[in-house]
Amino acid sequence: MSSKQKLDSKAIGIATGTIVFILSILCLLAILLFGDSTIGFFNLFFHGIGLSLIRTTTNIAEGIIGSIALGAIGFIFGWLFAVIYNKYSD
């Protein structure tokens, strides 16, 4: 008999989705407020890829819709993680 507790799949999904949504909104705000400095910062993570070369005009509505979509994807992956964890944690 396993002593491990099961994860609440819905709670993990909500937590993951919320964190991804918040990070995406923070990224959108950083681009809107600091523009080129933000691009320069993120260039540090993409070795050999110049993000400034592929930068487009920032659209607030698209950024918010994208953040909502990423939050939903985060929920799905968080939920899926918990379901798989629960299945194989015994």
Protein backbone atom coordinates (compact mmCIF):
# COMPACT_ATOMS: atom_id res chain seq x y z
CA MET A 1 0.00 0.00 0.00
CA SER A 2 1.38 3.39 -1.04
CA SER A 3 1.77 6.18 1.49
CA LYS A 4 1.89 8.85 -1.20
CA GLN A 5 -1.00 11.26 -1.39
CA LYS A 6 -2.87 11.88 -4.62
CA LEU A 7 -2.66 15.30 -6.23
CA ASP A 8 -5.82 17.30 -6.84
CA SER A 9 -5.72 17.48 -10.66
CA LYS A 10 -8.04 20.47 -10.90
CA ALA A 11 -6.10 22.46 -8.27
CA ILE A 12 -2.77 21.73 -9.95
CA GLY A 13 -4.26 22.72 -13.31
CA ILE A 14 -5.61 25.99 -11.92
CA ALA A 15 -2.32 26.81 -10.18
CA THR A 16 -0.24 26.07 -13.29
CA GLY A 17 -2.61 27.95 -15.59
CA THR A 18 -2.64 30.96 -13.28
CA ILE A 19 1.15 31.09 -13.03
CA VAL A 20 1.57 30.83 -16.81
CA PHE A 21 -1.07 33.55 -17.32
CA ILE A 22 0.64 35.89 -14.83
CA LEU A 23 4.07 35.33 -16.42
CA SER A 24 2.64 36.04 -19.86
CA ILE A 25 0.96 39.27 -18.69
CA LEU A 26 4.21 40.35 -17.01
CA CYS A 27 6.06 39.70 -20.28
CA LEU A 28 3.47 41.76 -22.20
CA LEU A 29 3.82 44.61 -19.70
CA ALA A 30 7.62 44.46 -19.91
CA ILE A 31 7.47 44.73 -23.71
CA LEU A 32 4.99 47.62 -23.54
CA LEU A 33 6.91 49.53 -20.87
CA PHE A 34 10.55 48.78 -21.66
CA GLY A 35 10.52 47.63 -25.32
CA ASP A 36 14.07 47.19 -26.57
CA SER A 37 15.48 46.56 -23.09
CA THR A 38 13.09 43.63 -22.67
CA ILE A 39 14.07 42.24 -26.06
CA GLY A 40 17.73 42.59 -25.07
CA PHE A 41 17.07 40.74 -21.81
CA PHE A 42 15.30 37.85 -23.54
CA ASN A 43 18.10 37.65 -26.11
CA LEU A 44 20.21 36.33 -23.20
CA PHE A 45 18.07 33.16 -23.19
CA PHE A 46 18.12 32.49 -26.94
CA HIS A 47 21.76 31.96 -27.83
CA GLY A 48 22.42 32.87 -31.44
CA ILE A 49 18.89 34.08 -32.18
CA GLY A 50 18.42 37.84 -32.51
CA LEU A 51 14.90 38.52 -31.26
CA SER A 52 15.14 42.13 -32.35
CA LEU A 53 15.23 40.89 -35.95
CA ILE A 54 11.83 39.18 -35.61
CA ARG A 55 10.15 41.75 -33.35
CA THR A 56 6.73 43.00 -34.46
CA THR A 57 4.39 45.74 -33.28
CA THR A 58 2.92 44.92 -29.89
CA ASN A 59 -0.85 44.61 -29.87
CA ILE A 60 -2.40 44.77 -26.39
CA ALA A 61 -5.57 42.87 -27.35
CA GLU A 62 -3.59 40.05 -28.99
CA GLY A 63 -1.26 39.98 -25.98
CA ILE A 64 -4.17 39.54 -23.58
CA ILE A 65 -5.82 36.88 -25.77
CA GLY A 66 -2.47 35.10 -26.04
CA SER A 67 -2.04 35.23 -22.26
CA ILE A 68 -5.50 33.72 -21.76
CA ALA A 69 -4.69 30.98 -24.29
CA LEU A 70 -1.38 30.25 -22.55
CA GLY A 71 -3.20 30.12 -19.22
CA ALA A 72 -5.60 27.54 -20.66
CA ILE A 73 -2.70 25.52 -22.04
CA GLY A 74 -1.01 25.77 -18.64
CA PHE A 75 -4.18 24.46 -17.00
CA ILE A 76 -4.30 21.49 -19.38
CA PHE A 77 -0.63 20.59 -18.80
CA GLY A 78 -0.90 21.04 -15.04
CA TRP A 79 -4.02 18.88 -14.95
CA LEU A 80 -2.36 16.27 -17.18
CA PHE A 81 0.75 16.25 -14.98
CA ALA A 82 -1.35 15.56 -11.88
CA VAL A 83 -3.38 12.82 -13.63
CA ILE A 84 -0.21 11.05 -14.82
CA TYR A 85 1.46 11.51 -11.44
CA ASN A 86 -1.55 10.02 -9.66
CA LYS A 87 -1.65 7.07 -12.04
CA TYR A 88 2.01 6.13 -11.57
CA SER A 89 2.67 7.23 -7.98
CA ASP A 90 1.38 4.04 -6.39
